[in-house]
């Protein structure tokens, strides 16, 4: 049976180190006049790709066991659409409203040559909708009210863990 070395426990004995790569595309945003009733419509997207290998010895006494012990990957894509409506005079205040939606997809993996990995794969799909209102009562007085609702779908398979039993003393009767 092989064990995975983690830097927090015995990483030095197993010569554990991390080889990481990360690529991020900056959020791209575009603003256009889309509707006659809107001040602006903005949309954007971003991408994130991360991977790191934990490299170390499976057996600290055998230098030929040096290799990748665990690999972690995170691939993420996100988007955003927002519409800001023209200010509306309510007589007691000027109301400015922004409505938006933000979808997000994330795929995580953690395969290992020694076992099934910590989780493999783990997929997250998220979508959120929001509204932001600003009431301007005067040049110095404003109030803001906002709300957000979000739905998250998580799909994954954790690594099977061995059954752990703890010896408990038998109950005593008196």
N, C-alpha and C. Protein backbone atom coordinates (compact mmCIF):
# COMPACT_ATOMS: atom_id res chain seq x y z
N UNK A 1 0.84 -1.18 0.00
CA UNK A 1 0.00 0.00 0.00
C UNK A 1 0.89 1.24 0.00
N UNK A 2 0.57 2.16 -0.89
CA UNK A 2 1.34 3.39 -0.98
C UNK A 2 0.61 4.48 -0.22
N UNK A 3 1.37 5.41 0.29
CA UNK A 3 0.75 6.54 0.97
C UNK A 3 1.07 7.82 0.20
N UNK A 4 0.19 8.78 0.31
CA UNK A 4 0.41 10.07 -0.34
C UNK A 4 0.99 11.01 0.69
N UNK A 5 2.07 11.65 0.35
CA UNK A 5 2.73 12.57 1.26
C UNK A 5 2.13 13.96 1.10
N UNK A 6 1.81 14.59 2.18
CA UNK A 6 1.34 15.97 2.19
C UNK A 6 2.36 16.82 2.93
N UNK A 7 2.64 18.02 2.42
CA UNK A 7 3.66 18.86 3.05
C UNK A 7 3.39 19.13 4.53
N UNK A 8 2.15 19.13 4.95
CA UNK A 8 1.86 19.44 6.34
C UNK A 8 2.30 18.33 7.28
N UNK A 9 2.32 17.07 6.82
CA UNK A 9 2.65 15.98 7.73
C UNK A 9 4.09 15.52 7.55
N UNK A 10 4.39 14.86 6.46
CA UNK A 10 5.75 14.34 6.27
C UNK A 10 6.29 14.72 4.90
N UNK A 11 6.00 15.89 4.44
CA UNK A 11 6.42 16.34 3.12
C UNK A 11 7.92 16.39 2.94
N UNK A 12 8.64 16.75 3.98
CA UNK A 12 10.09 16.84 3.86
C UNK A 12 10.71 15.47 3.66
N UNK A 13 10.22 14.46 4.37
CA UNK A 13 10.74 13.10 4.22
C UNK A 13 10.47 12.56 2.82
N UNK A 14 9.33 12.93 2.24
CA UNK A 14 8.94 12.44 0.92
C UNK A 14 9.36 13.39 -0.20
N UNK A 15 10.08 14.47 0.14
CA UNK A 15 10.54 15.49 -0.82
C UNK A 15 9.37 16.05 -1.64
N UNK A 16 8.27 16.31 -0.98
CA UNK A 16 7.07 16.79 -1.66
C UNK A 16 7.22 18.24 -2.08
N UNK A 17 6.82 18.52 -3.30
CA UNK A 17 6.84 19.87 -3.83
C UNK A 17 5.71 20.01 -4.85
N UNK A 18 5.41 21.22 -5.23
CA UNK A 18 4.30 21.49 -6.13
C UNK A 18 4.82 22.15 -7.40
N UNK A 19 4.34 21.66 -8.53
CA UNK A 19 4.62 22.24 -9.83
C UNK A 19 3.29 22.77 -10.36
N UNK A 20 3.12 24.11 -10.39
CA UNK A 20 1.83 24.70 -10.72
C UNK A 20 1.87 25.51 -12.01
N UNK A 21 0.73 25.52 -12.71
CA UNK A 21 0.53 26.35 -13.89
C UNK A 21 -0.86 26.95 -13.80
N UNK A 22 -0.97 28.22 -14.16
CA UNK A 22 -2.25 28.91 -14.12
C UNK A 22 -2.36 29.85 -15.31
N UNK A 23 -3.52 29.81 -15.94
CA UNK A 23 -3.82 30.71 -17.05
C UNK A 23 -5.14 31.38 -16.76
N UNK A 24 -5.17 32.69 -16.78
CA UNK A 24 -6.39 33.44 -16.57
C UNK A 24 -6.59 34.39 -17.74
N UNK A 25 -7.79 34.38 -18.28
CA UNK A 25 -8.10 35.42 -19.25
C UNK A 25 -8.83 36.49 -18.48
N UNK A 26 -8.42 37.73 -18.62
CA UNK A 26 -9.07 38.78 -17.85
C UNK A 26 -10.53 38.90 -18.26
N UNK A 27 -11.38 39.32 -17.33
CA UNK A 27 -12.78 39.49 -17.69
C UNK A 27 -12.91 40.48 -18.84
N UNK A 28 -13.58 40.06 -19.87
CA UNK A 28 -13.82 40.92 -21.02
C UNK A 28 -15.22 41.48 -20.88
N UNK A 29 -15.34 42.77 -21.01
CA UNK A 29 -16.65 43.41 -20.87
C UNK A 29 -16.88 44.33 -22.05
N UNK A 30 -18.09 44.33 -22.50
CA UNK A 30 -18.52 45.22 -23.56
C UNK A 30 -19.75 45.96 -23.07
N UNK A 31 -19.86 47.20 -23.44
CA UNK A 31 -21.03 47.99 -23.09
C UNK A 31 -21.65 48.52 -24.37
N UNK A 32 -22.95 48.33 -24.50
CA UNK A 32 -23.65 48.80 -25.69
C UNK A 32 -24.99 49.40 -25.26
N UNK A 33 -25.49 50.31 -26.09
CA UNK A 33 -26.87 50.77 -25.91
C UNK A 33 -27.72 49.77 -26.65
N UNK A 34 -28.53 49.06 -25.88
CA UNK A 34 -29.25 47.94 -26.45
C UNK A 34 -30.74 48.20 -26.56
N UNK A 35 -31.32 48.72 -25.49
CA UNK A 35 -32.74 49.01 -25.46
C UNK A 35 -32.95 50.51 -25.30
N UNK A 36 -34.05 51.01 -25.85
CA UNK A 36 -34.33 52.44 -25.71
C UNK A 36 -34.53 52.83 -24.25
N UNK A 37 -35.05 51.90 -23.42
CA UNK A 37 -35.31 52.21 -22.02
C UNK A 37 -34.09 52.00 -21.13
N UNK A 38 -32.99 51.53 -21.69
CA UNK A 38 -31.83 51.26 -20.84
C UNK A 38 -30.73 52.29 -21.07
N UNK A 39 -30.02 52.59 -20.01
CA UNK A 39 -28.86 53.44 -20.13
C UNK A 39 -27.73 52.67 -20.78
N UNK A 40 -27.57 51.40 -20.35
CA UNK A 40 -26.50 50.59 -20.91
C UNK A 40 -26.79 49.12 -20.70
N UNK A 41 -26.19 48.32 -21.53
CA UNK A 41 -26.23 46.86 -21.39
C UNK A 41 -24.78 46.41 -21.44
N UNK A 42 -24.34 45.72 -20.41
CA UNK A 42 -22.95 45.26 -20.35
C UNK A 42 -22.94 43.74 -20.30
N UNK A 43 -21.95 43.15 -20.96
CA UNK A 43 -21.78 41.71 -20.89
C UNK A 43 -20.29 41.42 -20.91
N UNK A 44 -19.93 40.31 -20.31
CA UNK A 44 -18.53 39.96 -20.24
C UNK A 44 -18.34 38.49 -19.94
N UNK A 45 -17.11 38.02 -20.08
CA UNK A 45 -16.79 36.63 -19.81
C UNK A 45 -15.33 36.53 -19.35
N UNK A 46 -15.03 35.43 -18.68
CA UNK A 46 -13.66 35.18 -18.22
C UNK A 46 -13.43 33.68 -18.20
N UNK A 47 -12.17 33.29 -18.25
CA UNK A 47 -11.79 31.88 -18.23
C UNK A 47 -10.60 31.71 -17.29
N UNK A 48 -10.59 30.62 -16.56
CA UNK A 48 -9.52 30.34 -15.60
C UNK A 48 -9.14 28.87 -15.75
N UNK A 49 -7.85 28.60 -15.90
CA UNK A 49 -7.36 27.23 -16.05
C UNK A 49 -6.17 27.07 -15.10
N UNK A 50 -6.33 26.18 -14.10
CA UNK A 50 -5.29 25.99 -13.09
C UNK A 50 -4.98 24.51 -12.98
N UNK A 51 -3.70 24.18 -12.82
CA UNK A 51 -3.28 22.80 -12.61
C UNK A 51 -2.01 22.79 -11.78
N UNK A 52 -1.98 21.89 -10.80
CA UNK A 52 -0.71 21.68 -10.13
C UNK A 52 -0.52 20.20 -9.81
N UNK A 53 0.73 19.77 -9.92
CA UNK A 53 1.12 18.40 -9.59
C UNK A 53 1.85 18.43 -8.27
N UNK A 54 1.50 17.50 -7.40
CA UNK A 54 2.27 17.29 -6.18
C UNK A 54 3.26 16.17 -6.48
N UNK A 55 4.52 16.53 -6.44
CA UNK A 55 5.60 15.61 -6.80
C UNK A 55 6.31 15.19 -5.53
N UNK A 56 6.62 13.92 -5.40
CA UNK A 56 7.32 13.44 -4.22
C UNK A 56 7.62 11.96 -4.32
N UNK A 57 8.14 11.43 -3.24
CA UNK A 57 8.48 10.02 -3.16
C UNK A 57 7.31 9.23 -2.58
N UNK A 58 6.95 8.11 -3.19
CA UNK A 58 5.94 7.23 -2.60
C UNK A 58 6.53 6.52 -1.40
N UNK A 59 7.82 6.17 -1.49
CA UNK A 59 8.52 5.51 -0.38
C UNK A 59 9.76 6.35 -0.08
N UNK A 60 9.87 6.95 1.13
CA UNK A 60 11.01 7.82 1.42
C UNK A 60 12.36 7.10 1.36
N UNK A 61 12.38 5.79 1.46
CA UNK A 61 13.64 5.05 1.43
C UNK A 61 14.04 4.65 0.00
N UNK A 62 13.16 4.87 -0.99
CA UNK A 62 13.43 4.44 -2.35
C UNK A 62 13.33 5.64 -3.29
N UNK A 63 14.49 6.16 -3.76
CA UNK A 63 14.50 7.34 -4.63
C UNK A 63 13.90 7.06 -6.00
N UNK A 64 13.75 5.81 -6.39
CA UNK A 64 13.17 5.50 -7.70
C UNK A 64 11.65 5.69 -7.70
N UNK A 65 11.04 5.95 -6.55
CA UNK A 65 9.58 6.14 -6.49
C UNK A 65 9.20 7.62 -6.63
N UNK A 66 10.17 8.46 -7.03
CA UNK A 66 9.88 9.88 -7.23
C UNK A 66 8.95 10.05 -8.43
N UNK A 67 7.89 10.80 -8.24
CA UNK A 67 6.96 11.03 -9.32
C UNK A 67 5.77 11.85 -8.86
N UNK A 68 4.79 11.97 -9.74
CA UNK A 68 3.58 12.72 -9.43
C UNK A 68 2.72 11.88 -8.49
N UNK A 69 2.40 12.43 -7.32
CA UNK A 69 1.58 11.71 -6.34
C UNK A 69 0.12 12.13 -6.44
N UNK A 70 -0.15 13.35 -6.87
CA UNK A 70 -1.52 13.86 -6.97
C UNK A 70 -1.52 15.03 -7.94
N UNK A 71 -2.58 15.16 -8.72
CA UNK A 71 -2.74 16.28 -9.65
C UNK A 71 -4.06 16.96 -9.35
N UNK A 72 -4.05 18.28 -9.25
CA UNK A 72 -5.27 19.05 -9.03
C UNK A 72 -5.49 19.95 -10.24
N UNK A 73 -6.71 19.95 -10.77
CA UNK A 73 -7.05 20.85 -11.87
C UNK A 73 -8.33 21.60 -11.54
N UNK A 74 -8.42 22.81 -12.01
CA UNK A 74 -9.60 23.66 -11.86
C UNK A 74 -9.77 24.40 -13.18
N UNK A 75 -10.84 24.07 -13.90
CA UNK A 75 -11.17 24.78 -15.15
C UNK A 75 -12.48 25.49 -14.92
N UNK A 76 -12.48 26.80 -15.13
CA UNK A 76 -13.65 27.60 -14.81
C UNK A 76 -13.96 28.57 -15.93
N UNK A 77 -15.24 28.74 -16.21
CA UNK A 77 -15.71 29.74 -17.17
C UNK A 77 -16.84 30.51 -16.51
N UNK A 78 -16.86 31.79 -16.72
CA UNK A 78 -17.93 32.61 -16.15
C UNK A 78 -18.35 33.67 -17.14
N UNK A 79 -19.57 34.11 -16.97
CA UNK A 79 -20.10 35.15 -17.83
C UNK A 79 -20.92 36.13 -17.01
N UNK A 80 -21.29 37.24 -17.61
CA UNK A 80 -22.08 38.26 -16.91
C UNK A 80 -22.84 39.08 -17.93
N UNK A 81 -24.10 39.32 -17.62
CA UNK A 81 -24.93 40.23 -18.41
C UNK A 81 -25.61 41.16 -17.43
N UNK A 82 -25.55 42.46 -17.72
CA UNK A 82 -26.16 43.44 -16.81
C UNK A 82 -26.83 44.54 -17.63
N UNK A 83 -28.02 44.91 -17.22
CA UNK A 83 -28.75 46.01 -17.85
C UNK A 83 -29.02 47.05 -16.78
N UNK A 84 -28.58 48.28 -17.04
CA UNK A 84 -28.86 49.39 -16.12
C UNK A 84 -29.93 50.26 -16.78
N UNK A 85 -31.06 50.38 -16.09
CA UNK A 85 -32.17 51.14 -16.64
C UNK A 85 -31.97 52.63 -16.42
N UNK A 86 -32.64 53.42 -17.23
CA UNK A 86 -32.56 54.88 -17.08
C UNK A 86 -33.14 55.28 -15.73
N UNK A 87 -32.60 56.33 -15.10
CA UNK A 87 -33.17 56.80 -13.83
C UNK A 87 -34.64 57.18 -14.02
N UNK A 88 -35.42 56.87 -12.98
CA UNK A 88 -36.86 57.10 -13.02
C UNK A 88 -37.24 58.00 -11.84
N UNK A 89 -37.97 59.07 -12.12
CA UNK A 89 -38.36 60.02 -11.08
C UNK A 89 -39.61 59.50 -10.37
N UNK A 90 -39.48 59.22 -9.07
CA UNK A 90 -40.59 58.75 -8.24
C UNK A 90 -41.25 59.90 -7.45
N UNK A 91 -40.90 61.11 -7.71
CA UNK A 91 -41.33 62.35 -7.03
C UNK A 91 -40.62 62.55 -5.69
N UNK A 92 -40.49 61.50 -4.89
CA UNK A 92 -39.78 61.64 -3.62
C UNK A 92 -38.31 61.24 -3.75
N UNK A 93 -37.95 60.57 -4.85
CA UNK A 93 -36.57 60.12 -5.07
C UNK A 93 -36.40 59.77 -6.55
N UNK A 94 -35.14 59.70 -6.96
CA UNK A 94 -34.81 59.22 -8.29
C UNK A 94 -34.33 57.77 -8.14
N UNK A 95 -34.97 56.87 -8.87
CA UNK A 95 -34.65 55.44 -8.77
C UNK A 95 -33.79 55.03 -9.96
N UNK A 96 -32.65 54.40 -9.66
CA UNK A 96 -31.79 53.80 -10.67
C UNK A 96 -31.74 52.31 -10.39
N UNK A 97 -31.99 51.49 -11.41
CA UNK A 97 -32.06 50.04 -11.23
C UNK A 97 -31.10 49.35 -12.19
N UNK A 98 -30.43 48.32 -11.68
CA UNK A 98 -29.58 47.46 -12.50
C UNK A 98 -30.03 46.02 -12.28
N UNK A 99 -30.19 45.28 -13.37
CA UNK A 99 -30.57 43.87 -13.35
C UNK A 99 -29.44 43.07 -13.97
N UNK A 100 -29.16 41.90 -13.42
CA UNK A 100 -28.07 41.13 -13.99
C UNK A 100 -28.21 39.63 -13.80
N UNK A 101 -27.40 38.92 -14.56
CA UNK A 101 -27.34 37.47 -14.51
C UNK A 101 -25.88 37.06 -14.65
N UNK A 102 -25.47 36.04 -13.86
CA UNK A 102 -24.08 35.59 -13.90
C UNK A 102 -24.01 34.06 -13.86
N UNK A 103 -23.77 33.41 -15.01
CA UNK A 103 -23.56 31.95 -15.01
C UNK A 103 -22.09 31.61 -14.78
N UNK A 104 -21.84 30.44 -14.21
CA UNK A 104 -20.49 30.01 -13.87
C UNK A 104 -20.43 28.49 -13.96
N UNK A 105 -19.39 27.97 -14.58
CA UNK A 105 -19.17 26.52 -14.67
C UNK A 105 -17.76 26.24 -14.16
N UNK A 106 -17.63 25.27 -13.26
CA UNK A 106 -16.32 24.91 -12.71
C UNK A 106 -16.18 23.39 -12.71
N UNK A 107 -15.05 22.90 -13.22
CA UNK A 107 -14.74 21.48 -13.23
C UNK A 107 -13.45 21.25 -12.46
N UNK A 108 -13.54 20.48 -11.38
CA UNK A 108 -12.39 20.17 -10.54
C UNK A 108 -12.07 18.69 -10.66
N UNK A 109 -10.79 18.36 -10.74
CA UNK A 109 -10.36 16.97 -10.71
C UNK A 109 -9.15 16.86 -9.81
N UNK A 110 -8.94 15.68 -9.26
CA UNK A 110 -7.77 15.42 -8.42
C UNK A 110 -7.34 13.97 -8.56
N UNK A 111 -6.95 13.53 -9.78
CA UNK A 111 -6.53 12.14 -9.95
C UNK A 111 -5.17 11.88 -9.33
N UNK A 112 -4.93 10.61 -9.04
CA UNK A 112 -3.66 10.19 -8.45
C UNK A 112 -3.27 8.84 -9.04
N UNK A 113 -1.99 8.63 -9.34
CA UNK A 113 -1.57 7.31 -9.84
C UNK A 113 -1.62 6.25 -8.74
N UNK A 114 -1.65 6.68 -7.47
CA UNK A 114 -1.62 5.74 -6.35
C UNK A 114 -3.00 5.23 -5.96
N UNK A 115 -4.04 6.03 -6.22
CA UNK A 115 -5.39 5.63 -5.83
C UNK A 115 -6.39 6.41 -6.69
N UNK A 116 -7.64 6.42 -6.28
CA UNK A 116 -8.68 7.06 -7.09
C UNK A 116 -8.63 8.58 -7.02
N UNK A 117 -7.83 9.16 -6.18
CA UNK A 117 -7.78 10.61 -6.04
C UNK A 117 -8.72 11.07 -4.94
N UNK A 118 -8.62 12.34 -4.60
CA UNK A 118 -9.47 12.87 -3.53
C UNK A 118 -10.91 12.98 -3.98
N UNK A 119 -11.14 13.46 -5.18
CA UNK A 119 -12.45 13.51 -5.83
C UNK A 119 -12.18 13.53 -7.31
N UNK A 120 -13.03 12.93 -8.05
CA UNK A 120 -12.76 12.88 -9.47
C UNK A 120 -13.99 12.42 -10.23
N UNK A 121 -14.59 13.22 -11.02
CA UNK A 121 -14.49 14.67 -11.09
C UNK A 121 -15.53 15.34 -10.20
N UNK A 122 -15.47 16.64 -10.14
CA UNK A 122 -16.42 17.45 -9.39
C UNK A 122 -16.83 18.59 -10.30
N UNK A 123 -18.11 18.64 -10.68
CA UNK A 123 -18.60 19.66 -11.60
C UNK A 123 -19.59 20.56 -10.87
N UNK A 124 -19.40 21.85 -10.99
CA UNK A 124 -20.29 22.83 -10.38
C UNK A 124 -20.86 23.72 -11.47
N UNK A 125 -22.17 23.84 -11.48
CA UNK A 125 -22.86 24.73 -12.40
C UNK A 125 -23.65 25.71 -11.54
N UNK A 126 -23.46 26.98 -11.79
CA UNK A 126 -24.09 28.00 -10.96
C UNK A 126 -24.66 29.09 -11.86
N UNK A 127 -25.82 29.59 -11.48
CA UNK A 127 -26.38 30.75 -12.17
C UNK A 127 -27.01 31.63 -11.09
N UNK A 128 -26.75 32.91 -11.20
CA UNK A 128 -27.28 33.87 -10.23
C UNK A 128 -27.95 35.02 -10.96
N UNK A 129 -29.02 35.50 -10.38
CA UNK A 129 -29.69 36.69 -10.87
C UNK A 129 -29.72 37.73 -9.76
N UNK A 130 -29.60 38.99 -10.12
CA UNK A 130 -29.57 40.01 -9.08
C UNK A 130 -30.26 41.29 -9.57
N UNK A 131 -30.65 42.07 -8.59
CA UNK A 131 -31.23 43.39 -8.86
C UNK A 131 -30.63 44.36 -7.83
N UNK A 132 -30.32 45.54 -8.29
CA UNK A 132 -29.74 46.58 -7.44
C UNK A 132 -30.53 47.86 -7.69
N UNK A 133 -31.07 48.44 -6.64
CA UNK A 133 -31.84 49.69 -6.73
C UNK A 133 -31.18 50.76 -5.87
N UNK A 134 -31.09 51.95 -6.42
CA UNK A 134 -30.58 53.07 -5.64
C UNK A 134 -31.62 54.19 -5.69
N UNK A 135 -32.05 54.61 -4.51
CA UNK A 135 -32.98 55.73 -4.38
C UNK A 135 -32.17 56.96 -3.98
N UNK A 136 -32.19 58.00 -4.80
CA UNK A 136 -31.49 59.23 -4.48
C UNK A 136 -32.53 60.25 -4.07
N UNK A 137 -32.55 60.55 -2.75
CA UNK A 137 -33.53 61.48 -2.20
C UNK A 137 -33.09 62.93 -2.37
N UNK A 138 -31.78 63.15 -2.26
CA UNK A 138 -31.20 64.48 -2.47
C UNK A 138 -29.76 64.28 -2.92
N UNK A 139 -29.01 65.38 -3.06
CA UNK A 139 -27.61 65.24 -3.46
C UNK A 139 -26.78 64.52 -2.40
N UNK A 140 -27.23 64.53 -1.15
CA UNK A 140 -26.46 63.95 -0.05
C UNK A 140 -27.07 62.68 0.52
N UNK A 141 -28.32 62.39 0.19
CA UNK A 141 -29.00 61.26 0.81
C UNK A 141 -29.40 60.23 -0.24
N UNK A 142 -28.93 58.98 0.00
CA UNK A 142 -29.24 57.87 -0.90
C UNK A 142 -29.57 56.64 -0.06
N UNK A 143 -30.35 55.76 -0.64
CA UNK A 143 -30.62 54.45 -0.03
C UNK A 143 -30.47 53.40 -1.12
N UNK A 144 -29.92 52.25 -0.73
CA UNK A 144 -29.72 51.18 -1.69
C UNK A 144 -30.41 49.91 -1.20
N UNK A 145 -31.07 49.24 -2.12
CA UNK A 145 -31.74 47.98 -1.83
C UNK A 145 -31.35 47.01 -2.94
N UNK A 146 -30.90 45.83 -2.54
CA UNK A 146 -30.44 44.86 -3.54
C UNK A 146 -30.87 43.46 -3.13
N UNK A 147 -30.91 42.58 -4.09
CA UNK A 147 -31.22 41.18 -3.84
C UNK A 147 -30.51 40.29 -4.85
N UNK A 148 -30.26 39.07 -4.44
CA UNK A 148 -29.58 38.11 -5.30
C UNK A 148 -30.17 36.74 -5.02
N UNK A 149 -30.42 36.00 -6.07
CA UNK A 149 -30.86 34.62 -5.93
C UNK A 149 -29.92 33.77 -6.77
N UNK A 150 -29.56 32.62 -6.23
CA UNK A 150 -28.54 31.80 -6.88
C UNK A 150 -28.94 30.33 -6.83
N UNK A 151 -28.67 29.63 -7.90
CA UNK A 151 -28.90 28.18 -7.94
C UNK A 151 -27.55 27.52 -8.24
N UNK A 152 -27.23 26.51 -7.45
CA UNK A 152 -25.96 25.80 -7.61
C UNK A 152 -26.25 24.31 -7.75
N UNK A 153 -25.70 23.69 -8.77
CA UNK A 153 -25.77 22.24 -8.96
C UNK A 153 -24.36 21.69 -8.79
N UNK A 154 -24.19 20.81 -7.82
CA UNK A 154 -22.90 20.18 -7.57
C UNK A 154 -23.01 18.71 -7.93
N UNK A 155 -22.08 18.24 -8.74
CA UNK A 155 -22.03 16.84 -9.12
C UNK A 155 -20.60 16.37 -8.90
N UNK A 156 -20.44 15.35 -8.11
CA UNK A 156 -19.10 14.87 -7.87
C UNK A 156 -19.11 13.49 -7.26
N UNK A 157 -17.94 12.91 -7.18
CA UNK A 157 -17.80 11.60 -6.56
C UNK A 157 -16.57 11.65 -5.65
N UNK A 158 -16.79 11.60 -4.34
CA UNK A 158 -15.65 11.63 -3.43
C UNK A 158 -14.89 10.31 -3.46
N UNK A 159 -13.67 10.35 -3.01
CA UNK A 159 -12.87 9.14 -2.92
C UNK A 159 -13.45 8.24 -1.84
N UNK A 160 -13.60 6.95 -2.10
CA UNK A 160 -14.09 6.07 -1.04
C UNK A 160 -13.08 6.03 0.10
N UNK A 161 -13.57 6.20 1.30
CA UNK A 161 -12.67 6.17 2.46
C UNK A 161 -12.84 4.85 3.18
N UNK A 162 -11.76 4.35 3.77
CA UNK A 162 -11.86 3.08 4.49
C UNK A 162 -12.74 3.25 5.72
N UNK A 163 -13.39 2.17 6.08
CA UNK A 163 -14.24 2.21 7.27
C UNK A 163 -13.35 2.36 8.50
N UNK A 164 -13.73 3.25 9.36
CA UNK A 164 -12.97 3.49 10.59
C UNK A 164 -13.85 3.06 11.76
N UNK A 165 -13.29 2.24 12.60
CA UNK A 165 -14.07 1.82 13.78
C UNK A 165 -13.30 2.25 15.02
N UNK A 166 -14.05 2.70 15.98
CA UNK A 166 -13.49 3.12 17.25
C UNK A 166 -13.99 2.15 18.32
N UNK A 167 -13.09 1.60 19.12
CA UNK A 167 -13.56 0.71 20.18
C UNK A 167 -14.21 1.54 21.30
N UNK A 168 -15.45 1.23 21.56
CA UNK A 168 -16.15 1.90 22.65
C UNK A 168 -16.31 0.90 23.79
N UNK A 169 -16.17 1.38 25.00
CA UNK A 169 -16.35 0.44 26.13
C UNK A 169 -17.81 -0.01 26.18
N UNK A 170 -17.99 -1.23 26.62
CA UNK A 170 -19.35 -1.77 26.76
C UNK A 170 -20.09 -0.99 27.84
N UNK A 171 -21.38 -0.75 27.62
CA UNK A 171 -22.13 -0.02 28.65
C UNK A 171 -22.20 -0.85 29.94
N UNK A 172 -22.12 -0.15 31.03
CA UNK A 172 -22.19 -0.81 32.32
C UNK A 172 -23.52 -0.52 32.98
N UNK A 173 -24.01 -1.47 33.71
CA UNK A 173 -25.25 -1.26 34.45
C UNK A 173 -24.93 -1.36 35.93
N UNK A 174 -25.59 -0.55 36.70
CA UNK A 174 -25.36 -0.59 38.13
C UNK A 174 -26.61 -0.89 38.89
